[in-house]
């Protein structure tokens, strides 16, 4: 037995969640959270496919909708090489979803800016999710929203602990 009171698996035994996290007990909220995490890992591929985009193109549009950035910055945010980032930008430019522009603070450098077409594309693809989330959130009382936010922020911290 460990100090937490759970049984340590014998050598060669398959570890369980309880053997590494003794306080973990199945619950409806944890099952729903596990399903949410799994779906969030699958959704970029499904959304990108629906829009005829690569996952990198979808993520690029999402990031560029917030702020213009250079191709190297975009590569870092996406976790891809600069060469791959240039290819993503080339494809977005060819589709009319992004433009390369000289930076205002350094005309020798370029930044990638999402176009209205690119902005419409990403928001149209994500509109069903935003609509459903707004409805769910709107149905909560202020007190419920505080509890849900506390739970979700704790879940975010838990996910960050393994990154």
N, C-alpha and C. Protein backbone atom coordinates (compact mmCIF):
# COMPACT_ATOMS: atom_id res chain seq x y z
N UNK A 1 0.84 -1.19 0.00
CA UNK A 1 0.00 0.00 0.00
C UNK A 1 0.88 1.25 0.00
N UNK A 2 0.39 2.28 -0.69
CA UNK A 2 1.08 3.57 -0.67
C UNK A 2 0.55 4.37 0.50
N UNK A 3 1.18 5.51 0.75
CA UNK A 3 0.72 6.36 1.85
C UNK A 3 -0.68 6.89 1.62
N UNK A 4 -1.11 6.95 0.37
CA UNK A 4 -2.45 7.45 0.08
C UNK A 4 -3.50 6.35 0.26
N UNK A 5 -3.04 5.11 0.55
CA UNK A 5 -3.99 4.05 0.80
C UNK A 5 -4.36 3.24 -0.43
N UNK A 6 -3.79 3.51 -1.58
CA UNK A 6 -4.12 2.72 -2.77
C UNK A 6 -3.10 1.60 -2.92
N UNK A 7 -3.50 0.58 -3.58
CA UNK A 7 -2.61 -0.55 -3.79
C UNK A 7 -1.65 -0.24 -4.92
N UNK A 8 -0.40 -0.54 -4.71
CA UNK A 8 0.60 -0.41 -5.77
C UNK A 8 0.53 -1.67 -6.61
N UNK A 9 0.43 -1.53 -7.94
CA UNK A 9 0.33 -2.74 -8.76
C UNK A 9 1.61 -3.57 -8.61
N UNK A 10 1.48 -4.91 -8.58
CA UNK A 10 2.67 -5.74 -8.52
C UNK A 10 3.52 -5.53 -9.78
N UNK A 11 4.80 -5.85 -9.68
CA UNK A 11 5.67 -5.71 -10.85
C UNK A 11 5.05 -6.42 -12.04
N UNK A 12 5.08 -5.75 -13.18
CA UNK A 12 4.52 -6.32 -14.39
C UNK A 12 3.04 -6.08 -14.56
N UNK A 13 2.36 -5.61 -13.51
CA UNK A 13 0.92 -5.35 -13.63
C UNK A 13 0.70 -4.04 -14.37
N UNK A 14 -0.39 -3.99 -15.04
CA UNK A 14 -0.75 -2.78 -15.79
C UNK A 14 -1.20 -1.69 -14.82
N UNK A 15 -0.58 -0.49 -14.88
CA UNK A 15 -1.01 0.59 -13.97
C UNK A 15 -2.43 1.06 -14.33
N UNK A 16 -3.12 1.55 -13.34
CA UNK A 16 -4.45 2.11 -13.54
C UNK A 16 -4.40 3.58 -13.15
N UNK A 17 -5.45 4.29 -13.48
CA UNK A 17 -5.54 5.69 -13.09
C UNK A 17 -5.43 5.79 -11.57
N UNK A 18 -6.14 4.92 -10.85
CA UNK A 18 -6.12 4.98 -9.39
C UNK A 18 -4.73 4.67 -8.82
N UNK A 19 -3.93 3.87 -9.53
CA UNK A 19 -2.59 3.57 -9.00
C UNK A 19 -1.66 4.76 -9.10
N UNK A 20 -1.94 5.69 -10.01
CA UNK A 20 -1.10 6.88 -10.14
C UNK A 20 -1.75 8.13 -9.57
N UNK A 21 -3.08 8.11 -9.45
CA UNK A 21 -3.83 9.23 -8.88
C UNK A 21 -4.94 8.64 -8.00
N UNK A 22 -4.60 8.27 -6.77
CA UNK A 22 -5.55 7.56 -5.90
C UNK A 22 -6.89 8.26 -5.69
N UNK A 23 -6.93 9.58 -5.73
CA UNK A 23 -8.19 10.30 -5.50
C UNK A 23 -9.11 10.29 -6.72
N UNK A 24 -8.62 9.83 -7.87
CA UNK A 24 -9.41 9.84 -9.10
C UNK A 24 -10.53 8.81 -9.02
N UNK A 25 -11.75 9.25 -9.15
CA UNK A 25 -12.91 8.38 -9.17
C UNK A 25 -13.78 8.79 -10.35
N UNK A 26 -14.27 7.78 -11.06
CA UNK A 26 -15.13 8.05 -12.21
C UNK A 26 -16.35 8.85 -11.76
N UNK A 27 -16.73 9.82 -12.56
CA UNK A 27 -17.93 10.61 -12.29
C UNK A 27 -18.45 11.12 -13.62
N UNK A 28 -19.66 11.56 -13.62
CA UNK A 28 -20.24 12.12 -14.84
C UNK A 28 -19.46 13.32 -15.34
N UNK A 29 -18.99 14.18 -14.42
CA UNK A 29 -18.26 15.37 -14.85
C UNK A 29 -16.91 14.99 -15.45
N UNK A 30 -16.23 14.00 -14.86
CA UNK A 30 -14.94 13.58 -15.43
C UNK A 30 -15.12 12.87 -16.77
N UNK A 31 -16.18 12.07 -16.89
CA UNK A 31 -16.47 11.42 -18.18
C UNK A 31 -16.76 12.46 -19.25
N UNK A 32 -17.55 13.47 -18.91
CA UNK A 32 -17.85 14.54 -19.88
C UNK A 32 -16.59 15.30 -20.25
N UNK A 33 -15.73 15.56 -19.27
CA UNK A 33 -14.48 16.27 -19.55
C UNK A 33 -13.58 15.43 -20.44
N UNK A 34 -13.48 14.13 -20.18
CA UNK A 34 -12.67 13.25 -21.04
C UNK A 34 -13.20 13.27 -22.47
N UNK A 35 -14.52 13.25 -22.63
CA UNK A 35 -15.12 13.30 -23.95
C UNK A 35 -14.81 14.63 -24.63
N UNK A 36 -14.88 15.73 -23.87
CA UNK A 36 -14.57 17.05 -24.42
C UNK A 36 -13.12 17.12 -24.89
N UNK A 37 -12.21 16.59 -24.08
CA UNK A 37 -10.79 16.60 -24.45
C UNK A 37 -10.57 15.78 -25.72
N UNK A 38 -11.19 14.61 -25.80
CA UNK A 38 -11.05 13.77 -26.99
C UNK A 38 -11.61 14.46 -28.23
N UNK A 39 -12.79 15.05 -28.09
CA UNK A 39 -13.39 15.75 -29.24
C UNK A 39 -12.57 16.97 -29.66
N UNK A 40 -12.01 17.67 -28.68
CA UNK A 40 -11.22 18.85 -29.02
C UNK A 40 -9.96 18.46 -29.79
N UNK A 41 -9.46 17.25 -29.55
CA UNK A 41 -8.30 16.78 -30.31
C UNK A 41 -8.70 16.40 -31.74
N UNK A 42 -9.93 15.94 -31.94
CA UNK A 42 -10.39 15.51 -33.26
C UNK A 42 -10.99 16.65 -34.09
N UNK A 43 -11.51 17.67 -33.43
CA UNK A 43 -12.28 18.69 -34.16
C UNK A 43 -11.48 19.49 -35.18
N UNK A 44 -10.21 19.84 -34.93
CA UNK A 44 -9.51 20.61 -35.97
C UNK A 44 -9.45 19.88 -37.32
N UNK A 45 -9.21 18.56 -37.30
CA UNK A 45 -9.16 17.80 -38.54
C UNK A 45 -10.52 17.81 -39.24
N UNK A 46 -11.59 17.61 -38.47
CA UNK A 46 -12.93 17.57 -39.06
C UNK A 46 -13.33 18.93 -39.62
N UNK A 47 -13.06 19.99 -38.87
CA UNK A 47 -13.41 21.35 -39.31
C UNK A 47 -12.59 21.73 -40.54
N UNK A 48 -11.30 21.45 -40.51
CA UNK A 48 -10.44 21.77 -41.65
C UNK A 48 -10.90 21.02 -42.90
N UNK A 49 -11.19 19.73 -42.75
CA UNK A 49 -11.65 18.91 -43.89
C UNK A 49 -12.93 19.50 -44.47
N UNK A 50 -13.87 19.91 -43.60
CA UNK A 50 -15.13 20.50 -44.06
C UNK A 50 -14.88 21.77 -44.88
N UNK A 51 -13.84 22.51 -44.51
CA UNK A 51 -13.53 23.75 -45.23
C UNK A 51 -12.54 23.58 -46.37
N UNK A 52 -12.11 22.34 -46.62
CA UNK A 52 -11.13 22.10 -47.68
C UNK A 52 -9.77 22.68 -47.35
N UNK A 53 -9.45 22.75 -46.05
CA UNK A 53 -8.18 23.30 -45.58
C UNK A 53 -7.36 22.21 -44.91
N UNK A 54 -6.07 22.47 -44.77
CA UNK A 54 -5.26 21.61 -43.91
C UNK A 54 -5.45 22.11 -42.47
N UNK A 55 -5.08 21.28 -41.52
CA UNK A 55 -5.18 21.69 -40.11
C UNK A 55 -4.29 22.90 -39.87
N UNK A 56 -3.10 22.92 -40.47
CA UNK A 56 -2.20 24.07 -40.32
C UNK A 56 -2.81 25.34 -40.90
N UNK A 57 -3.51 25.21 -42.02
CA UNK A 57 -4.17 26.39 -42.61
C UNK A 57 -5.28 26.90 -41.69
N UNK A 58 -6.07 25.98 -41.13
CA UNK A 58 -7.13 26.38 -40.21
C UNK A 58 -6.56 27.08 -38.99
N UNK A 59 -5.54 26.48 -38.36
CA UNK A 59 -4.92 27.10 -37.19
C UNK A 59 -4.29 28.45 -37.55
N UNK A 60 -3.71 28.55 -38.73
CA UNK A 60 -3.13 29.82 -39.17
C UNK A 60 -4.20 30.90 -39.27
N UNK A 61 -5.32 30.56 -39.89
CA UNK A 61 -6.41 31.54 -40.01
C UNK A 61 -6.90 31.97 -38.63
N UNK A 62 -7.01 31.01 -37.72
CA UNK A 62 -7.46 31.33 -36.37
C UNK A 62 -6.49 32.30 -35.68
N UNK A 63 -5.19 32.02 -35.78
CA UNK A 63 -4.19 32.90 -35.16
C UNK A 63 -4.13 34.26 -35.86
N UNK A 64 -4.16 34.25 -37.19
CA UNK A 64 -4.06 35.50 -37.94
C UNK A 64 -5.31 36.36 -37.78
N UNK A 65 -6.44 35.75 -37.46
CA UNK A 65 -7.66 36.54 -37.23
C UNK A 65 -7.49 37.41 -35.98
N UNK A 66 -6.61 36.97 -35.06
CA UNK A 66 -6.35 37.75 -33.85
C UNK A 66 -5.32 38.84 -34.08
N UNK A 67 -4.26 38.51 -34.82
CA UNK A 67 -3.18 39.47 -35.03
C UNK A 67 -2.32 39.06 -36.22
N UNK A 68 -1.91 40.02 -37.04
CA UNK A 68 -0.98 39.69 -38.11
C UNK A 68 0.36 39.25 -37.51
N UNK A 69 1.06 38.40 -38.22
CA UNK A 69 2.39 37.99 -37.76
C UNK A 69 3.22 37.58 -38.95
N UNK A 70 4.52 37.59 -38.75
CA UNK A 70 5.43 37.17 -39.80
C UNK A 70 5.39 35.66 -39.96
N UNK A 71 5.86 35.17 -41.11
CA UNK A 71 5.86 33.72 -41.35
C UNK A 71 6.65 32.94 -40.30
N UNK A 72 7.76 33.50 -39.81
CA UNK A 72 8.56 32.80 -38.80
C UNK A 72 7.79 32.74 -37.48
N UNK A 73 7.15 33.85 -37.11
CA UNK A 73 6.31 33.86 -35.89
C UNK A 73 5.19 32.83 -36.01
N UNK A 74 4.57 32.78 -37.18
CA UNK A 74 3.48 31.84 -37.42
C UNK A 74 3.99 30.41 -37.29
N UNK A 75 5.17 30.14 -37.82
CA UNK A 75 5.76 28.81 -37.71
C UNK A 75 5.93 28.42 -36.25
N UNK A 76 6.40 29.34 -35.44
CA UNK A 76 6.61 29.06 -34.00
C UNK A 76 5.28 28.76 -33.31
N UNK A 77 4.27 29.56 -33.60
CA UNK A 77 2.96 29.37 -32.98
C UNK A 77 2.36 28.02 -33.39
N UNK A 78 2.57 27.63 -34.65
CA UNK A 78 2.01 26.38 -35.15
C UNK A 78 2.87 25.17 -34.78
N UNK A 79 4.12 25.41 -34.41
CA UNK A 79 5.02 24.30 -34.11
C UNK A 79 5.49 23.58 -35.35
N UNK A 80 5.69 24.34 -36.44
CA UNK A 80 6.16 23.76 -37.70
C UNK A 80 7.40 24.51 -38.15
N UNK A 81 8.06 24.03 -39.20
CA UNK A 81 9.26 24.69 -39.70
C UNK A 81 8.88 25.96 -40.46
N UNK A 82 9.86 26.82 -40.64
CA UNK A 82 9.64 28.05 -41.43
C UNK A 82 9.26 27.71 -42.86
N UNK A 83 9.88 26.68 -43.41
CA UNK A 83 9.55 26.27 -44.79
C UNK A 83 8.09 25.81 -44.88
N UNK A 84 7.66 25.02 -43.90
CA UNK A 84 6.26 24.56 -43.90
C UNK A 84 5.31 25.74 -43.73
N UNK A 85 5.70 26.70 -42.89
CA UNK A 85 4.88 27.89 -42.69
C UNK A 85 4.74 28.68 -43.99
N UNK A 86 5.83 28.80 -44.72
CA UNK A 86 5.77 29.50 -46.01
C UNK A 86 4.80 28.82 -46.96
N UNK A 87 4.80 27.49 -46.96
CA UNK A 87 3.85 26.76 -47.81
C UNK A 87 2.42 26.99 -47.40
N UNK A 88 2.16 27.02 -46.10
CA UNK A 88 0.81 27.29 -45.59
C UNK A 88 0.38 28.68 -46.02
N UNK A 89 1.27 29.65 -45.84
CA UNK A 89 0.94 31.04 -46.22
C UNK A 89 0.71 31.12 -47.73
N UNK A 90 1.54 30.46 -48.52
CA UNK A 90 1.34 30.46 -49.98
C UNK A 90 -0.05 29.96 -50.35
N UNK A 91 -0.48 28.87 -49.70
CA UNK A 91 -1.81 28.31 -50.01
C UNK A 91 -2.93 29.25 -49.56
N UNK A 92 -2.78 29.87 -48.40
CA UNK A 92 -3.80 30.81 -47.94
C UNK A 92 -3.87 32.03 -48.84
N UNK A 93 -2.73 32.52 -49.29
CA UNK A 93 -2.69 33.66 -50.22
C UNK A 93 -3.34 33.28 -51.54
N UNK A 94 -3.04 32.08 -52.04
CA UNK A 94 -3.62 31.62 -53.31
C UNK A 94 -5.14 31.52 -53.23
N UNK A 95 -5.66 31.18 -52.07
CA UNK A 95 -7.12 31.08 -51.89
C UNK A 95 -7.76 32.43 -51.59
N UNK A 96 -6.95 33.46 -51.41
CA UNK A 96 -7.48 34.78 -51.09
C UNK A 96 -7.80 34.96 -49.61
N UNK A 97 -7.32 34.04 -48.76
CA UNK A 97 -7.61 34.10 -47.33
C UNK A 97 -6.58 34.89 -46.53
N UNK A 98 -5.44 35.20 -47.15
CA UNK A 98 -4.39 35.95 -46.45
C UNK A 98 -3.61 36.76 -47.48
N UNK A 99 -2.90 37.76 -46.97
CA UNK A 99 -2.02 38.60 -47.81
C UNK A 99 -0.70 38.76 -47.09
N UNK A 100 0.36 38.88 -47.88
CA UNK A 100 1.65 39.27 -47.33
C UNK A 100 1.77 40.77 -47.50
N UNK A 101 2.18 41.45 -46.44
CA UNK A 101 2.36 42.90 -46.50
C UNK A 101 3.68 43.26 -45.85
N UNK A 102 4.24 44.37 -46.31
CA UNK A 102 5.44 44.90 -45.64
C UNK A 102 5.02 45.40 -44.27
N UNK A 103 5.85 45.11 -43.27
CA UNK A 103 5.54 45.59 -41.92
C UNK A 103 5.71 47.09 -41.86
N UNK A 104 4.83 47.75 -41.14
CA UNK A 104 4.89 49.20 -41.05
C UNK A 104 6.13 49.69 -40.30
N UNK A 105 6.62 48.88 -39.35
CA UNK A 105 7.78 49.30 -38.56
C UNK A 105 9.12 48.91 -39.19
N UNK A 106 9.09 48.01 -40.18
CA UNK A 106 10.31 47.56 -40.85
C UNK A 106 9.91 47.06 -42.23
N UNK A 107 9.99 47.93 -43.22
CA UNK A 107 9.50 47.64 -44.57
C UNK A 107 10.24 46.47 -45.22
N UNK A 108 11.40 46.06 -44.67
CA UNK A 108 12.13 44.93 -45.24
C UNK A 108 11.52 43.60 -44.84
N UNK A 109 10.73 43.60 -43.77
CA UNK A 109 10.12 42.37 -43.27
C UNK A 109 8.65 42.32 -43.68
N UNK A 110 8.13 41.11 -43.79
CA UNK A 110 6.72 40.95 -44.16
C UNK A 110 5.93 40.39 -42.99
N UNK A 111 4.65 40.66 -43.03
CA UNK A 111 3.73 40.04 -42.08
C UNK A 111 2.58 39.46 -42.88
N UNK A 112 1.93 38.49 -42.32
CA UNK A 112 0.80 37.84 -42.96
C UNK A 112 -0.46 38.37 -42.28
N UNK A 113 -1.39 38.82 -43.10
CA UNK A 113 -2.63 39.42 -42.61
C UNK A 113 -3.79 38.61 -43.17
N UNK A 114 -4.72 38.23 -42.31
CA UNK A 114 -5.90 37.53 -42.77
C UNK A 114 -6.78 38.52 -43.54
N UNK A 115 -7.39 38.06 -44.62
CA UNK A 115 -8.30 38.90 -45.40
C UNK A 115 -9.72 38.72 -44.89
N UNK A 116 -10.62 39.54 -45.39
CA UNK A 116 -12.04 39.37 -45.03
C UNK A 116 -12.52 37.98 -45.42
N UNK A 117 -12.06 37.49 -46.57
CA UNK A 117 -12.42 36.14 -47.02
C UNK A 117 -11.96 35.09 -46.02
N UNK A 118 -10.73 35.20 -45.55
CA UNK A 118 -10.20 34.26 -44.57
C UNK A 118 -10.94 34.34 -43.25
N UNK A 119 -11.25 35.54 -42.83
CA UNK A 119 -11.99 35.75 -41.58
C UNK A 119 -13.39 35.14 -41.70
N UNK A 120 -14.06 35.37 -42.83
CA UNK A 120 -15.40 34.79 -43.05
C UNK A 120 -15.32 33.26 -43.04
N UNK A 121 -14.29 32.72 -43.68
CA UNK A 121 -14.12 31.26 -43.77
C UNK A 121 -14.01 30.64 -42.39
N UNK A 122 -13.11 31.16 -41.56
CA UNK A 122 -12.90 30.55 -40.24
C UNK A 122 -14.12 30.71 -39.35
N UNK A 123 -14.77 31.87 -39.38
CA UNK A 123 -15.95 32.06 -38.54
C UNK A 123 -17.14 31.26 -39.04
N UNK A 124 -17.27 31.09 -40.35
CA UNK A 124 -18.36 30.26 -40.88
C UNK A 124 -18.17 28.80 -40.47
N UNK A 125 -16.94 28.33 -40.49
CA UNK A 125 -16.67 26.95 -40.10
C UNK A 125 -16.95 26.72 -38.62
N UNK A 126 -16.69 27.72 -37.79
CA UNK A 126 -16.83 27.58 -36.34
C UNK A 126 -18.17 28.08 -35.80
N UNK A 127 -19.00 28.69 -36.65
CA UNK A 127 -20.27 29.28 -36.21
C UNK A 127 -21.17 28.31 -35.45
N UNK A 128 -21.33 27.05 -35.91
CA UNK A 128 -22.21 26.14 -35.15
C UNK A 128 -21.73 25.93 -33.71
N UNK A 129 -20.43 25.84 -33.51
CA UNK A 129 -19.88 25.67 -32.17
C UNK A 129 -20.12 26.92 -31.33
N UNK A 130 -19.82 28.10 -31.90
CA UNK A 130 -20.01 29.35 -31.16
C UNK A 130 -21.47 29.54 -30.77
N UNK A 131 -22.39 29.20 -31.67
CA UNK A 131 -23.82 29.34 -31.40
C UNK A 131 -24.25 28.43 -30.26
N UNK A 132 -23.83 27.16 -30.32
CA UNK A 132 -24.20 26.20 -29.28
C UNK A 132 -23.59 26.58 -27.93
N UNK A 133 -22.34 27.03 -27.93
CA UNK A 133 -21.70 27.43 -26.68
C UNK A 133 -22.38 28.65 -26.07
N UNK A 134 -22.78 29.60 -26.91
CA UNK A 134 -23.48 30.79 -26.41
C UNK A 134 -24.81 30.40 -25.78
N UNK A 135 -25.51 29.45 -26.39
CA UNK A 135 -26.80 29.00 -25.83
C UNK A 135 -26.59 28.31 -24.48
N UNK A 136 -25.58 27.45 -24.40
CA UNK A 136 -25.31 26.74 -23.15
C UNK A 136 -24.93 27.73 -22.05
N UNK A 137 -24.03 28.66 -22.38
CA UNK A 137 -23.59 29.64 -21.40
C UNK A 137 -24.73 30.56 -20.98
N UNK A 138 -25.57 30.93 -21.95
CA UNK A 138 -26.69 31.82 -21.65
C UNK A 138 -27.72 31.19 -20.74
N UNK A 139 -27.77 29.86 -20.69
CA UNK A 139 -28.74 29.17 -19.84
C UNK A 139 -28.26 29.04 -18.39
N UNK A 140 -27.01 29.40 -18.13
CA UNK A 140 -26.46 29.31 -16.77
C UNK A 140 -26.79 30.56 -15.97
N UNK A 141 -26.97 30.38 -14.67
CA UNK A 141 -27.08 31.54 -13.78
C UNK A 141 -25.66 32.05 -13.53
N UNK A 142 -25.54 33.24 -12.98
CA UNK A 142 -24.21 33.77 -12.66
C UNK A 142 -23.49 32.86 -11.68
N UNK A 143 -24.21 32.31 -10.72
CA UNK A 143 -23.60 31.41 -9.73
C UNK A 143 -23.11 30.12 -10.39
N UNK A 144 -23.91 29.56 -11.29
CA UNK A 144 -23.49 28.35 -12.01
C UNK A 144 -22.26 28.62 -12.87
N UNK A 145 -22.25 29.78 -13.49
CA UNK A 145 -21.13 30.14 -14.36
C UNK A 145 -19.83 30.21 -13.56
N UNK A 146 -19.88 30.70 -12.33
CA UNK A 146 -18.69 30.76 -11.47
C UNK A 146 -18.17 29.35 -11.19
N UNK A 147 -19.06 28.42 -10.91
CA UNK A 147 -18.66 27.03 -10.62
C UNK A 147 -18.07 26.39 -11.88
N UNK A 148 -18.74 26.57 -13.00
CA UNK A 148 -18.25 25.99 -14.25
C UNK A 148 -16.88 26.57 -14.60
N UNK A 149 -16.73 27.87 -14.45
CA UNK A 149 -15.44 28.49 -14.75
C UNK A 149 -14.34 27.95 -13.84
N UNK A 150 -14.64 27.80 -12.56
CA UNK A 150 -13.65 27.26 -11.63
C UNK A 150 -13.24 25.84 -12.05
N UNK A 151 -14.21 25.03 -12.42
CA UNK A 151 -13.94 23.65 -12.85
C UNK A 151 -13.09 23.65 -14.13
N UNK A 152 -13.48 24.46 -15.09
CA UNK A 152 -12.75 24.49 -16.37
C UNK A 152 -11.34 25.04 -16.19
N UNK A 153 -11.17 26.06 -15.38
CA UNK A 153 -9.81 26.59 -15.14
C UNK A 153 -8.94 25.56 -14.44
N UNK A 154 -9.55 24.77 -13.54
CA UNK A 154 -8.82 23.68 -12.91
C UNK A 154 -8.44 22.61 -13.92
N UNK A 155 -9.35 22.32 -14.86
CA UNK A 155 -9.06 21.34 -15.90
C UNK A 155 -7.94 21.84 -16.82
N UNK A 156 -7.95 23.13 -17.14
CA UNK A 156 -6.88 23.72 -17.95
C UNK A 156 -5.55 23.58 -17.22
N UNK A 157 -5.53 23.87 -15.94
CA UNK A 157 -4.29 23.73 -15.15
C UNK A 157 -3.83 22.27 -15.15
N UNK A 158 -4.76 21.33 -15.04
CA UNK A 158 -4.41 19.92 -15.06
C UNK A 158 -3.78 19.53 -16.39
N UNK A 159 -4.36 20.00 -17.49
CA UNK A 159 -3.79 19.71 -18.81
C UNK A 159 -2.41 20.34 -18.97
N UNK A 160 -2.25 21.56 -18.46
CA UNK A 160 -0.93 22.22 -18.55
C UNK A 160 0.13 21.48 -17.75
N UNK A 161 -0.28 20.75 -16.72
CA UNK A 161 0.69 20.05 -15.88
C UNK A 161 1.40 18.93 -16.63
N UNK A 162 0.86 18.52 -17.76
CA UNK A 162 1.51 17.45 -18.54
C UNK A 162 2.15 17.99 -19.82
N UNK A 163 2.17 19.28 -19.98
CA UNK A 163 2.77 19.87 -21.19
C UNK A 163 4.19 20.32 -20.92
